[in-house]
């Protein structure tokens, strides 16, 4: 069973943990997430899913940065800061800060780093 991001520290560029925050990953909704960023890929781990998932494999997603189409930072009135990572028609990733100030700042830093790696 996977329990968090599985990236060695020497390859990790950034890591963000949203323990009590929400995330939408490819249509699945999670409470609690971890995001790890390397120079070539984005790793997303959803902790608690609202749906009943029998397979643990669906909780961990590795996204090559080549497949990222767009990244967007937004301030929402009800959920705080969010980062949207657009991959295709039905496989977007949305990370919310749930009005947690420190997590919102970490999401902003993640957005800036992903933007730099994509440019």
PDB file of N, CA and C in Angstrom:
ATOM      1  N   UNK A   1       0.836  -1.173   0.000  1.00  0.00           N
ATOM      2  CA  UNK A   1       0.000   0.000   0.000  1.00  0.00           C
ATOM      3  C   UNK A   1       0.889   1.247   0.000  1.00  0.00           C
ATOM      4  N   UNK A   2       0.559   2.187  -0.845  1.00  0.00           N
ATOM      5  CA  UNK A   2       1.291   3.441  -0.942  1.00  0.00           C
ATOM      6  C   UNK A   2       0.817   4.364   0.172  1.00  0.00           C
ATOM      7  N   UNK A   3       1.756   5.023   0.832  1.00  0.00           N
ATOM      8  CA  UNK A   3       1.385   5.967   1.885  1.00  0.00           C
ATOM      9  C   UNK A   3       2.180   7.250   1.704  1.00  0.00           C
ATOM     10  N   UNK A   4       1.799   8.034   0.734  1.00  0.00           N
ATOM     11  CA  UNK A   4       2.466   9.301   0.482  1.00  0.00           C
ATOM     12  C   UNK A   4       3.267   9.276  -0.802  1.00  0.00           C
ATOM     13  N   UNK A   5       3.955  10.364  -1.033  1.00  0.00           N
ATOM     14  CA  UNK A   5       4.755  10.535  -2.238  1.00  0.00           C
ATOM     15  C   UNK A   5       6.008   9.677  -2.144  1.00  0.00           C
ATOM     16  N   UNK A   6       6.291   8.956  -3.226  1.00  0.00           N
ATOM     17  CA  UNK A   6       7.444   8.056  -3.252  1.00  0.00           C
ATOM     18  C   UNK A   6       8.534   8.597  -4.168  1.00  0.00           C
ATOM     19  N   UNK A   7       9.152   9.686  -3.766  1.00  0.00           N
ATOM     20  CA  UNK A   7      10.244  10.291  -4.522  1.00  0.00           C
ATOM     21  C   UNK A   7      11.426  10.463  -3.571  1.00  0.00           C
ATOM     22  N   UNK A   8      12.627  10.043  -3.982  1.00  0.00           N
ATOM     23  CA  UNK A   8      13.796  10.283  -3.132  1.00  0.00           C
ATOM     24  C   UNK A   8      14.026  11.786  -2.947  1.00  0.00           C
ATOM     25  N   UNK A   9      14.499  12.173  -1.779  1.00  0.00           N
ATOM     26  CA  UNK A   9      14.680  13.590  -1.456  1.00  0.00           C
ATOM     27  C   UNK A   9      15.640  14.305  -2.405  1.00  0.00           C
ATOM     28  N   UNK A  10      16.626  13.589  -2.942  1.00  0.00           N
ATOM     29  CA  UNK A  10      17.576  14.246  -3.835  1.00  0.00           C
ATOM     30  C   UNK A  10      16.968  14.600  -5.192  1.00  0.00           C
ATOM     31  N   UNK A  11      15.849  13.987  -5.569  1.00  0.00           N
ATOM     32  CA  UNK A  11      15.182  14.290  -6.837  1.00  0.00           C
ATOM     33  C   UNK A  11      13.981  15.213  -6.663  1.00  0.00           C
ATOM     34  N   UNK A  12      13.583  15.437  -5.439  1.00  0.00           N
ATOM     35  CA  UNK A  12      12.391  16.226  -5.140  1.00  0.00           C
ATOM     36  C   UNK A  12      12.701  17.717  -5.244  1.00  0.00           C
ATOM     37  N   UNK A  13      11.939  18.431  -6.076  1.00  0.00           N
ATOM     38  CA  UNK A  13      12.095  19.888  -6.207  1.00  0.00           C
ATOM     39  C   UNK A  13      11.164  20.630  -5.257  1.00  0.00           C
ATOM     40  N   UNK A  14       9.964  20.066  -5.046  1.00  0.00           N
ATOM     41  CA  UNK A  14       8.985  20.692  -4.153  1.00  0.00           C
ATOM     42  C   UNK A  14       8.031  19.624  -3.653  1.00  0.00           C
ATOM     43  N   UNK A  15       7.490  19.865  -2.456  1.00  0.00           N
ATOM     44  CA  UNK A  15       6.501  18.955  -1.886  1.00  0.00           C
ATOM     45  C   UNK A  15       5.476  19.792  -1.126  1.00  0.00           C
ATOM     46  N   UNK A  16       4.206  19.518  -1.370  1.00  0.00           N
ATOM     47  CA  UNK A  16       3.117  20.228  -0.705  1.00  0.00           C
ATOM     48  C   UNK A  16       2.185  19.192  -0.111  1.00  0.00           C
ATOM     49  N   UNK A  17       1.840  19.381   1.170  1.00  0.00           N
ATOM     50  CA  UNK A  17       0.892  18.490   1.846  1.00  0.00           C
ATOM     51  C   UNK A  17      -0.345  19.279   2.231  1.00  0.00           C
ATOM     52  N   UNK A  18      -1.486  18.775   1.830  1.00  0.00           N
ATOM     53  CA  UNK A  18      -2.762  19.346   2.247  1.00  0.00           C
ATOM     54  C   UNK A  18      -3.501  18.305   3.062  1.00  0.00           C
ATOM     55  N   UNK A  19      -3.220  18.234   4.336  1.00  0.00           N
ATOM     56  CA  UNK A  19      -3.784  17.175   5.189  1.00  0.00           C
ATOM     57  C   UNK A  19      -5.302  17.259   5.313  1.00  0.00           C
ATOM     58  N   UNK A  20      -5.835  18.481   5.442  1.00  0.00           N
ATOM     59  CA  UNK A  20      -7.275  18.644   5.622  1.00  0.00           C
ATOM     60  C   UNK A  20      -7.903  19.412   4.461  1.00  0.00           C
ATOM     61  N   UNK A  21      -7.243  19.418   3.329  1.00  0.00           N
ATOM     62  CA  UNK A  21      -7.718  20.171   2.172  1.00  0.00           C
ATOM     63  C   UNK A  21      -8.235  19.217   1.108  1.00  0.00           C
ATOM     64  N   UNK A  22      -9.025  19.743   0.207  1.00  0.00           N
ATOM     65  CA  UNK A  22      -9.620  18.928  -0.839  1.00  0.00           C
ATOM     66  C   UNK A  22      -8.831  18.979  -2.134  1.00  0.00           C
ATOM     67  N   UNK A  23      -9.025  17.942  -2.938  1.00  0.00           N
ATOM     68  CA  UNK A  23      -8.394  17.867  -4.253  1.00  0.00           C
ATOM     69  C   UNK A  23      -9.297  17.081  -5.188  1.00  0.00           C
ATOM     70  N   UNK A  24      -9.328  17.493  -6.446  1.00  0.00           N
ATOM     71  CA  UNK A  24      -9.989  16.735  -7.498  1.00  0.00           C
ATOM     72  C   UNK A  24      -8.897  16.232  -8.428  1.00  0.00           C
ATOM     73  N   UNK A  25      -8.804  14.923  -8.564  1.00  0.00           N
ATOM     74  CA  UNK A  25      -7.775  14.317  -9.403  1.00  0.00           C
ATOM     75  C   UNK A  25      -8.467  13.398 -10.393  1.00  0.00           C
ATOM     76  N   UNK A  26      -8.483  13.800 -11.656  1.00  0.00           N
ATOM     77  CA  UNK A  26      -9.090  13.011 -12.730  1.00  0.00           C
ATOM     78  C   UNK A  26     -10.510  12.569 -12.393  1.00  0.00           C
ATOM     79  N   UNK A  27     -11.296  13.472 -11.869  1.00  0.00           N
ATOM     80  CA  UNK A  27     -12.690  13.176 -11.571  1.00  0.00           C
ATOM     81  C   UNK A  27     -12.948  12.582 -10.203  1.00  0.00           C
ATOM     82  N   UNK A  28     -11.920  12.213  -9.465  1.00  0.00           N
ATOM     83  CA  UNK A  28     -12.081  11.663  -8.120  1.00  0.00           C
ATOM     84  C   UNK A  28     -11.836  12.772  -7.103  1.00  0.00           C
ATOM     85  N   UNK A  29     -12.643  12.814  -6.044  1.00  0.00           N
ATOM     86  CA  UNK A  29     -12.495  13.834  -5.009  1.00  0.00           C
ATOM     87  C   UNK A  29     -11.816  13.231  -3.786  1.00  0.00           C
ATOM     88  N   UNK A  30     -10.820  13.939  -3.285  1.00  0.00           N
ATOM     89  CA  UNK A  30     -10.047  13.473  -2.132  1.00  0.00           C
ATOM     90  C   UNK A  30     -10.059  14.519  -1.029  1.00  0.00           C
ATOM     91  N   UNK A  31     -10.007  14.039   0.204  1.00  0.00           N
ATOM     92  CA  UNK A  31      -9.763  14.890   1.359  1.00  0.00           C
ATOM     93  C   UNK A  31      -8.357  14.542   1.832  1.00  0.00           C
ATOM     94  N   UNK A  32      -7.465  15.478   1.732  1.00  0.00           N
ATOM     95  CA  UNK A  32      -6.061  15.250   2.043  1.00  0.00           C
ATOM     96  C   UNK A  32      -5.306  14.835   0.792  1.00  0.00           C
ATOM     97  N   UNK A  33      -4.176  15.473   0.563  1.00  0.00           N
ATOM     98  CA  UNK A  33      -3.365  15.146  -0.606  1.00  0.00           C
ATOM     99  C   UNK A  33      -1.909  15.490  -0.339  1.00  0.00           C
ATOM    100  N   UNK A  34      -1.055  14.912  -1.168  1.00  0.00           N
ATOM    101  CA  UNK A  34       0.364  15.258  -1.212  1.00  0.00           C
ATOM    102  C   UNK A  34       0.739  15.422  -2.668  1.00  0.00           C
ATOM    103  N   UNK A  35       1.563  16.412  -2.939  1.00  0.00           N
ATOM    104  CA  UNK A  35       2.046  16.656  -4.289  1.00  0.00           C
ATOM    105  C   UNK A  35       3.558  16.757  -4.223  1.00  0.00           C
ATOM    106  N   UNK A  36       4.219  16.024  -5.095  1.00  0.00           N
ATOM    107  CA  UNK A  36       5.670  16.098  -5.210  1.00  0.00           C
ATOM    108  C   UNK A  36       6.036  16.485  -6.631  1.00  0.00           C
ATOM    109  N   UNK A  37       7.059  17.302  -6.778  1.00  0.00           N
ATOM    110  CA  UNK A  37       7.463  17.789  -8.091  1.00  0.00           C
ATOM    111  C   UNK A  37       8.936  17.493  -8.311  1.00  0.00           C
ATOM    112  N   UNK A  38       9.233  16.877  -9.456  1.00  0.00           N
ATOM    113  CA  UNK A  38      10.612  16.690  -9.899  1.00  0.00           C
ATOM    114  C   UNK A  38      10.804  17.551 -11.145  1.00  0.00           C
ATOM    115  N   UNK A  39      11.977  17.503 -11.732  1.00  0.00           N
ATOM    116  CA  UNK A  39      12.205  18.299 -12.940  1.00  0.00           C
ATOM    117  C   UNK A  39      11.429  17.764 -14.133  1.00  0.00           C
ATOM    118  N   UNK A  40      10.988  16.505 -14.080  1.00  0.00           N
ATOM    119  CA  UNK A  40      10.299  15.901 -15.218  1.00  0.00           C
ATOM    120  C   UNK A  40       8.872  15.470 -14.953  1.00  0.00           C
ATOM    121  N   UNK A  41       8.440  15.406 -13.692  1.00  0.00           N
ATOM    122  CA  UNK A  41       7.113  14.855 -13.413  1.00  0.00           C
ATOM    123  C   UNK A  41       6.483  15.458 -12.164  1.00  0.00           C
ATOM    124  N   UNK A  42       5.179  15.296 -12.101  1.00  0.00           N
ATOM    125  CA  UNK A  42       4.379  15.732 -10.966  1.00  0.00           C
ATOM    126  C   UNK A  42       3.729  14.486 -10.378  1.00  0.00           C
ATOM    127  N   UNK A  43       3.898  14.265  -9.080  1.00  0.00           N
ATOM    128  CA  UNK A  43       3.336  13.104  -8.400  1.00  0.00           C
ATOM    129  C   UNK A  43       2.225  13.588  -7.474  1.00  0.00           C
ATOM    130  N   UNK A  44       1.045  12.985  -7.594  1.00  0.00           N
ATOM    131  CA  UNK A  44      -0.104  13.383  -6.775  1.00  0.00           C
ATOM    132  C   UNK A  44      -0.615  12.154  -6.045  1.00  0.00           C
ATOM    133  N   UNK A  45      -0.787  12.293  -4.737  1.00  0.00           N
ATOM    134  CA  UNK A  45      -1.305  11.210  -3.901  1.00  0.00           C
ATOM    135  C   UNK A  45      -2.546  11.717  -3.179  1.00  0.00           C
ATOM    136  N   UNK A  46      -3.681  11.063  -3.410  1.00  0.00           N
ATOM    137  CA  UNK A  46      -4.917  11.399  -2.717  1.00  0.00           C
ATOM    138  C   UNK A  46      -5.100  10.500  -1.512  1.00  0.00           C
ATOM    139  N   UNK A  47      -5.380  11.086  -0.358  1.00  0.00           N
ATOM    140  CA  UNK A  47      -5.447  10.302   0.877  1.00  0.00           C
ATOM    141  C   UNK A  47      -6.785   9.611   1.077  1.00  0.00           C
ATOM    142  N   UNK A  48      -7.840  10.366   1.266  1.00  0.00           N
ATOM    143  CA  UNK A  48      -9.149   9.782   1.561  1.00  0.00           C
ATOM    144  C   UNK A  48     -10.118  10.148   0.448  1.00  0.00           C
ATOM    145  N   UNK A  49     -10.634   9.143  -0.229  1.00  0.00           N
ATOM    146  CA  UNK A  49     -11.528   9.376  -1.356  1.00  0.00           C
ATOM    147  C   UNK A  49     -12.978   9.282  -0.906  1.00  0.00           C
ATOM    148  N   UNK A  50     -13.827  10.128  -1.498  1.00  0.00           N
ATOM    149  CA  UNK A  50     -15.254  10.079  -1.193  1.00  0.00           C
ATOM    150  C   UNK A  50     -15.914   8.840  -1.786  1.00  0.00           C
ATOM    151  N   UNK A  51     -15.354   8.317  -2.860  1.00  0.00           N
ATOM    152  CA  UNK A  51     -15.883   7.098  -3.474  1.00  0.00           C
ATOM    153  C   UNK A  51     -15.229   5.886  -2.822  1.00  0.00           C
ATOM    154  N   UNK A  52     -15.805   4.729  -3.029  1.00  0.00           N
ATOM    155  CA  UNK A  52     -15.249   3.491  -2.496  1.00  0.00           C
ATOM    156  C   UNK A  52     -14.272   2.924  -3.521  1.00  0.00           C
ATOM    157  N   UNK A  53     -12.980   3.076  -3.267  1.00  0.00           N
ATOM    158  CA  UNK A  53     -11.959   2.592  -4.196  1.00  0.00           C
ATOM    159  C   UNK A  53     -11.412   1.274  -3.679  1.00  0.00           C
ATOM    160  N   UNK A  54     -11.566   0.246  -4.472  1.00  0.00           N
ATOM    161  CA  UNK A  54     -11.041  -1.063  -4.087  1.00  0.00           C
ATOM    162  C   UNK A  54      -9.547  -1.158  -4.396  1.00  0.00           C
ATOM    163  N   UNK A  55      -9.126  -0.508  -5.467  1.00  0.00           N
ATOM    164  CA  UNK A  55      -7.728  -0.570  -5.881  1.00  0.00           C
ATOM    165  C   UNK A  55      -6.968   0.639  -5.354  1.00  0.00           C
ATOM    166  N   UNK A  56      -5.896   0.416  -4.635  1.00  0.00           N
ATOM    167  CA  UNK A  56      -5.069   1.498  -4.117  1.00  0.00           C
ATOM    168  C   UNK A  56      -4.315   2.224  -5.233  1.00  0.00           C
ATOM    169  N   UNK A  57      -4.171   1.582  -6.402  1.00  0.00           N
ATOM    170  CA  UNK A  57      -3.408   2.181  -7.493  1.00  0.00           C
ATOM    171  C   UNK A  57      -4.002   3.494  -7.976  1.00  0.00           C
ATOM    172  N   UNK A  58      -5.288   3.689  -7.810  1.00  0.00           N
ATOM    173  CA  UNK A  58      -5.931   4.895  -8.308  1.00  0.00           C
ATOM    174  C   UNK A  58      -5.666   6.104  -7.426  1.00  0.00           C
ATOM    175  N   UNK A  59      -5.046   5.932  -6.292  1.00  0.00           N
ATOM    176  CA  UNK A  59      -4.783   7.040  -5.381  1.00  0.00           C
ATOM    177  C   UNK A  59      -3.478   7.759  -5.689  1.00  0.00           C
ATOM    178  N   UNK A  60      -2.618   7.166  -6.482  1.00  0.00           N
ATOM    179  CA  UNK A  60      -1.303   7.740  -6.786  1.00  0.00           C
ATOM    180  C   UNK A  60      -1.212   7.974  -8.288  1.00  0.00           C
ATOM    181  N   UNK A  61      -0.906   9.199  -8.677  1.00  0.00           N
ATOM    182  CA  UNK A  61      -0.853   9.534 -10.099  1.00  0.00           C
ATOM    183  C   UNK A  61       0.478  10.207 -10.405  1.00  0.00           C
ATOM    184  N   UNK A  62       1.142   9.740 -11.447  1.00  0.00           N
ATOM    185  CA  UNK A  62       2.387  10.349 -11.907  1.00  0.00           C
ATOM    186  C   UNK A  62       2.103  11.006 -13.255  1.00  0.00           C
ATOM    187  N   UNK A  63       2.378  12.304 -13.334  1.00  0.00           N
ATOM    188  CA  UNK A  63       2.091  13.070 -14.541  1.00  0.00           C
ATOM    189  C   UNK A  63       3.404  13.602 -15.105  1.00  0.00           C
ATOM    190  N   UNK A  64       3.786  13.172 -16.315  1.00  0.00           N
ATOM    191  CA  UNK A  64       4.963  13.779 -16.938  1.00  0.00           C
ATOM    192  C   UNK A  64       4.670  15.254 -17.237  1.00  0.00           C
ATOM    193  N   UNK A  65       5.638  16.123 -17.014  1.00  0.00           N
ATOM    194  CA  UNK A  65       5.403  17.547 -17.263  1.00  0.00           C
ATOM    195  C   UNK A  65       5.142  17.839 -18.732  1.00  0.00           C
ATOM    196  N   UNK A  66       5.557  16.942 -19.619  1.00  0.00           N
ATOM    197  CA  UNK A  66       5.272  17.114 -21.043  1.00  0.00           C
ATOM    198  C   UNK A  66       3.776  17.079 -21.335  1.00  0.00           C
ATOM    199  N   UNK A  67       3.001  16.403 -20.500  1.00  0.00           N
ATOM    200  CA  UNK A  67       1.565  16.275 -20.753  1.00  0.00           C
ATOM    201  C   UNK A  67       0.735  17.386 -20.106  1.00  0.00           C
ATOM    202  N   UNK A  68       1.369  18.296 -19.374  1.00  0.00           N
ATOM    203  CA  UNK A  68       0.644  19.413 -18.762  1.00  0.00           C
ATOM    204  C   UNK A  68       0.368  20.453 -19.841  1.00  0.00           C
ATOM    205  N   UNK A  69      -0.915  20.761 -20.052  1.00  0.00           N
ATOM    206  CA  UNK A  69      -1.327  21.727 -21.074  1.00  0.00           C
ATOM    207  C   UNK A  69      -1.356  23.158 -20.533  1.00  0.00           C
ATOM    208  N   UNK A  70      -1.778  23.309 -19.287  1.00  0.00           N
ATOM    209  CA  UNK A  70      -1.870  24.643 -18.682  1.00  0.00           C
ATOM    210  C   UNK A  70      -1.881  24.498 -17.172  1.00  0.00           C
ATOM    211  N   UNK A  71      -1.503  25.570 -16.499  1.00  0.00           N
ATOM    212  CA  UNK A  71      -1.559  25.609 -15.041  1.00  0.00           C
ATOM    213  C   UNK A  71      -2.138  26.973 -14.660  1.00  0.00           C
ATOM    214  N   UNK A  72      -3.031  26.967 -13.669  1.00  0.00           N
ATOM    215  CA  UNK A  72      -3.760  28.189 -13.305  1.00  0.00           C
ATOM    216  C   UNK A  72      -3.806  28.326 -11.792  1.00  0.00           C
ATOM    217  N   UNK A  73      -3.560  29.532 -11.312  1.00  0.00           N
ATOM    218  CA  UNK A  73      -3.669  29.863  -9.898  1.00  0.00           C
ATOM    219  C   UNK A  73      -4.892  30.752  -9.736  1.00  0.00           C
ATOM    220  N   UNK A  74      -5.773  30.413  -8.796  1.00  0.00           N
ATOM    221  CA  UNK A  74      -6.997  31.191  -8.591  1.00  0.00           C
ATOM    222  C   UNK A  74      -7.261  31.362  -7.104  1.00  0.00           C
ATOM    223  N   UNK A  75      -7.900  32.467  -6.762  1.00  0.00           N
ATOM    224  CA  UNK A  75      -8.366  32.704  -5.398  1.00  0.00           C
ATOM    225  C   UNK A  75      -9.882  32.572  -5.398  1.00  0.00           C
ATOM    226  N   UNK A  76     -10.382  31.560  -4.718  1.00  0.00           N
ATOM    227  CA  UNK A  76     -11.817  31.304  -4.648  1.00  0.00           C
ATOM    228  C   UNK A  76     -12.350  31.820  -3.322  1.00  0.00           C
ATOM    229  N   UNK A  77     -13.552  32.355  -3.329  1.00  0.00           N
ATOM    230  CA  UNK A  77     -14.101  32.922  -2.095  1.00  0.00           C
ATOM    231  C   UNK A  77     -14.449  31.843  -1.080  1.00  0.00           C
ATOM    232  N   UNK A  78     -14.888  30.684  -1.533  1.00  0.00           N
ATOM    233  CA  UNK A  78     -15.335  29.653  -0.593  1.00  0.00           C
ATOM    234  C   UNK A  78     -14.258  28.648  -0.207  1.00  0.00           C
ATOM    235  N   UNK A  79     -13.239  28.435  -1.044  1.00  0.00           N
ATOM    236  CA  UNK A  79     -12.239  27.399  -0.768  1.00  0.00           C
ATOM    237  C   UNK A  79     -10.817  27.924  -0.686  1.00  0.00           C
ATOM    238  N   UNK A  80     -10.638  29.218  -0.775  1.00  0.00           N
ATOM    239  CA  UNK A  80      -9.297  29.779  -0.697  1.00  0.00           C
ATOM    240  C   UNK A  80      -8.565  29.657  -2.021  1.00  0.00           C
ATOM    241  N   UNK A  81      -7.256  29.622  -1.941  1.00  0.00           N
ATOM    242  CA  UNK A  81      -6.428  29.546  -3.143  1.00  0.00           C
ATOM    243  C   UNK A  81      -6.494  28.149  -3.742  1.00  0.00           C
ATOM    244  N   UNK A  82      -6.445  28.098  -5.076  1.00  0.00           N
ATOM    245  CA  UNK A  82      -6.437  26.799  -5.753  1.00  0.00           C
ATOM    246  C   UNK A  82      -5.438  26.828  -6.899  1.00  0.00           C
ATOM    247  N   UNK A  83      -4.913  25.654  -7.214  1.00  0.00           N
ATOM    248  CA  UNK A  83      -4.053  25.465  -8.372  1.00  0.00           C
ATOM    249  C   UNK A  83      -4.726  24.433  -9.257  1.00  0.00           C
ATOM    250  N   UNK A  84      -4.922  24.798 -10.521  1.00  0.00           N
ATOM    251  CA  UNK A  84      -5.509  23.886 -11.500  1.00  0.00           C
ATOM    252  C   UNK A  84      -4.423  23.478 -12.480  1.00  0.00           C
ATOM    253  N   UNK A  85      -4.267  22.176 -12.668  1.00  0.00           N
ATOM    254  CA  UNK A  85      -3.299  21.641 -13.618  1.00  0.00           C
ATOM    255  C   UNK A  85      -4.099  20.909 -14.684  1.00  0.00           C
ATOM    256  N   UNK A  86      -4.099  21.473 -15.891  1.00  0.00           N
ATOM    257  CA  UNK A  86      -4.904  20.927 -16.981  1.00  0.00           C
ATOM    258  C   UNK A  86      -4.063  19.961 -17.812  1.00  0.00           C
ATOM    259  N   UNK A  87      -4.568  18.733 -17.917  1.00  0.00           N
ATOM    260  CA  UNK A  87      -3.845  17.681 -18.634  1.00  0.00           C
ATOM    261  C   UNK A  87      -4.528  17.285 -19.929  1.00  0.00           C
ATOM    262  N   UNK A  88      -5.805  17.388 -19.983  1.00  0.00           N
ATOM    263  CA  UNK A  88      -6.575  16.976 -21.144  1.00  0.00           C
ATOM    264  C   UNK A  88      -8.033  17.221 -20.860  1.00  0.00           C
ATOM    265  N   UNK A  89      -8.899  16.560 -21.589  1.00  0.00           N
ATOM    266  CA  UNK A  89     -10.328  16.812 -21.438  1.00  0.00           C
ATOM    267  C   UNK A  89     -10.879  16.394 -20.082  1.00  0.00           C
ATOM    268  N   UNK A  90     -10.536  15.212 -19.607  1.00  0.00           N
ATOM    269  CA  UNK A  90     -11.131  14.710 -18.372  1.00  0.00           C
ATOM    270  C   UNK A  90     -10.112  14.394 -17.290  1.00  0.00           C
ATOM    271  N   UNK A  91      -8.890  14.804 -17.456  1.00  0.00           N
ATOM    272  CA  UNK A  91      -7.886  14.432 -16.464  1.00  0.00           C
ATOM    273  C   UNK A  91      -7.189  15.652 -15.881  1.00  0.00           C
ATOM    274  N   UNK A  92      -7.972  16.539 -15.312  1.00  0.00           N
ATOM    275  CA  UNK A  92      -7.412  17.708 -14.648  1.00  0.00           C
ATOM    276  C   UNK A  92      -7.148  17.414 -13.178  1.00  0.00           C
ATOM    277  N   UNK A  93      -6.267  18.206 -12.590  1.00  0.00           N
ATOM    278  CA  UNK A  93      -5.962  18.127 -11.164  1.00  0.00           C
ATOM    279  C   UNK A  93      -6.231  19.506 -10.571  1.00  0.00           C
ATOM    280  N   UNK A  94      -7.041  19.555  -9.526  1.00  0.00           N
ATOM    281  CA  UNK A  94      -7.321  20.811  -8.834  1.00  0.00           C
ATOM    282  C   UNK A  94      -6.996  20.609  -7.360  1.00  0.00           C
ATOM    283  N   UNK A  95      -6.134  21.461  -6.830  1.00  0.00           N
ATOM    284  CA  UNK A  95      -5.719  21.403  -5.427  1.00  0.00           C
ATOM    285  C   UNK A  95      -6.241  22.649  -4.721  1.00  0.00           C
ATOM    286  N   UNK A  96      -6.892  22.472  -3.583  1.00  0.00           N
ATOM    287  CA  UNK A  96      -7.477  23.587  -2.840  1.00  0.00           C
ATOM    288  C   UNK A  96      -6.724  23.806  -1.529  1.00  0.00           C
ATOM    289  N   UNK A  97      -6.710  25.062  -1.070  1.00  0.00           N
ATOM    290  CA  UNK A  97      -6.079  25.367   0.216  1.00  0.00           C
ATOM    291  C   UNK A  97      -7.087  25.354   1.356  1.00  0.00           C
ATOM    292  N   UNK A  98      -8.382  25.388   1.039  1.00  0.00           N
ATOM    293  CA  UNK A  98      -9.455  25.416   2.053  1.00  0.00           C
ATOM    294  C   UNK A  98      -9.226  26.544   3.059  1.00  0.00           C
ATOM    295  N   UNK A  99      -8.834  27.711   2.541  1.00  0.00           N
ATOM    296  CA  UNK A  99      -8.614  28.924   3.340  1.00  0.00           C
ATOM    297  C   UNK A  99      -7.524  28.777   4.402  1.00  0.00           C
ATOM    298  N   UNK A 100      -6.597  27.835   4.218  1.00  0.00           N
ATOM    299  CA  UNK A 100      -5.440  27.708   5.105  1.00  0.00           C
ATOM    300  C   UNK A 100      -4.317  28.566   4.512  1.00  0.00           C
ATOM    301  N   UNK A 101      -3.900  29.578   5.236  1.00  0.00           N
ATOM    302  CA  UNK A 101      -2.966  30.571   4.713  1.00  0.00           C
ATOM    303  C   UNK A 101      -1.628  29.958   4.301  1.00  0.00           C
ATOM    304  N   UNK A 102      -1.043  29.128   5.140  1.00  0.00           N
ATOM    305  CA  UNK A 102       0.257  28.530   4.826  1.00  0.00           C
ATOM    306  C   UNK A 102       0.158  27.607   3.618  1.00  0.00           C
ATOM    307  N   UNK A 103      -0.894  26.814   3.557  1.00  0.00           N
ATOM    308  CA  UNK A 103      -1.087  25.928   2.409  1.00  0.00           C
ATOM    309  C   UNK A 103      -1.313  26.748   1.143  1.00  0.00           C
ATOM    310  N   UNK A 104      -2.030  27.851   1.250  1.00  0.00           N
ATOM    311  CA  UNK A 104      -2.227  28.732   0.100  1.00  0.00           C
ATOM    312  C   UNK A 104      -0.912  29.274  -0.435  1.00  0.00           C
ATOM    313  N   UNK A 105      -0.012  29.656   0.464  1.00  0.00           N
ATOM    314  CA  UNK A 105       1.313  30.134   0.046  1.00  0.00           C
ATOM    315  C   UNK A 105       2.125  29.010  -0.592  1.00  0.00           C
ATOM    316  N   UNK A 106       2.031  27.810  -0.045  1.00  0.00           N
ATOM    317  CA  UNK A 106       2.746  26.673  -0.627  1.00  0.00           C
ATOM    318  C   UNK A 106       2.205  26.331  -2.009  1.00  0.00           C
ATOM    319  N   UNK A 107       0.900  26.442  -2.206  1.00  0.00           N
ATOM    320  CA  UNK A 107       0.323  26.206  -3.533  1.00  0.00           C
ATOM    321  C   UNK A 107       0.796  27.272  -4.519  1.00  0.00           C
ATOM    322  N   UNK A 108       0.931  28.506  -4.063  1.00  0.00           N
ATOM    323  CA  UNK A 108       1.447  29.568  -4.930  1.00  0.00           C
ATOM    324  C   UNK A 108       2.882  29.262  -5.349  1.00  0.00           C
ATOM    325  N   UNK A 109       3.698  28.806  -4.413  1.00  0.00           N
ATOM    326  CA  UNK A 109       5.085  28.439  -4.734  1.00  0.00           C
ATOM    327  C   UNK A 109       5.125  27.266  -5.719  1.00  0.00           C
ATOM    328  N   UNK A 110       4.242  26.283  -5.522  1.00  0.00           N
ATOM    329  CA  UNK A 110       4.165  25.152  -6.448  1.00  0.00           C
ATOM    330  C   UNK A 110       3.793  25.636  -7.843  1.00  0.00           C
ATOM    331  N   UNK A 111       2.821  26.534  -7.933  1.00  0.00           N
ATOM    332  CA  UNK A 111       2.408  27.096  -9.213  1.00  0.00           C
ATOM    333  C   UNK A 111       3.583  27.783  -9.911  1.00  0.00           C
ATOM    334  N   UNK A 112       4.331  28.590  -9.179  1.00  0.00           N
ATOM    335  CA  UNK A 112       5.462  29.305  -9.770  1.00  0.00           C
ATOM    336  C   UNK A 112       6.546  28.348 -10.249  1.00  0.00           C
ATOM    337  N   UNK A 113       6.819  27.311  -9.475  1.00  0.00           N
ATOM    338  CA  UNK A 113       7.849  26.349  -9.861  1.00  0.00           C
ATOM    339  C   UNK A 113       7.419  25.529 -11.076  1.00  0.00           C
ATOM    340  N   UNK A 114       6.166  25.087 -11.103  1.00  0.00           N
ATOM    341  CA  UNK A 114       5.668  24.349 -12.275  1.00  0.00           C
ATOM    342  C   UNK A 114       5.724  25.249 -13.508  1.00  0.00           C
ATOM    343  N   UNK A 115       5.344  26.507 -13.357  1.00  0.00           N
ATOM    344  CA  UNK A 115       5.392  27.446 -14.485  1.00  0.00           C
ATOM    345  C   UNK A 115       6.811  27.599 -15.015  1.00  0.00           C
ATOM    346  N   UNK A 116       7.783  27.704 -14.111  1.00  0.00           N
ATOM    347  CA  UNK A 116       9.188  27.816 -14.540  1.00  0.00           C
ATOM    348  C   UNK A 116       9.654  26.560 -15.260  1.00  0.00           C
ATOM    349  N   UNK A 117       9.276  25.399 -14.746  1.00  0.00           N
ATOM    350  CA  UNK A 117       9.705  24.146 -15.381  1.00  0.00           C
ATOM    351  C   UNK A 117       9.054  23.950 -16.749  1.00  0.00           C
ATOM    352  N   UNK A 118       7.859  24.489 -16.925  1.00  0.00           N
ATOM    353  CA  UNK A 118       7.174  24.354 -18.211  1.00  0.00           C
ATOM    354  C   UNK A 118       7.693  25.341 -19.256  1.00  0.00           C
ATOM    355  N   UNK A 119       8.300  26.436 -18.812  1.00  0.00           N
ATOM    356  CA  UNK A 119       8.744  27.457 -19.778  1.00  0.00           C
ATOM    357  C   UNK A 119      10.079  27.118 -20.411  1.00  0.00           C
TER     358      UNK A 119
END
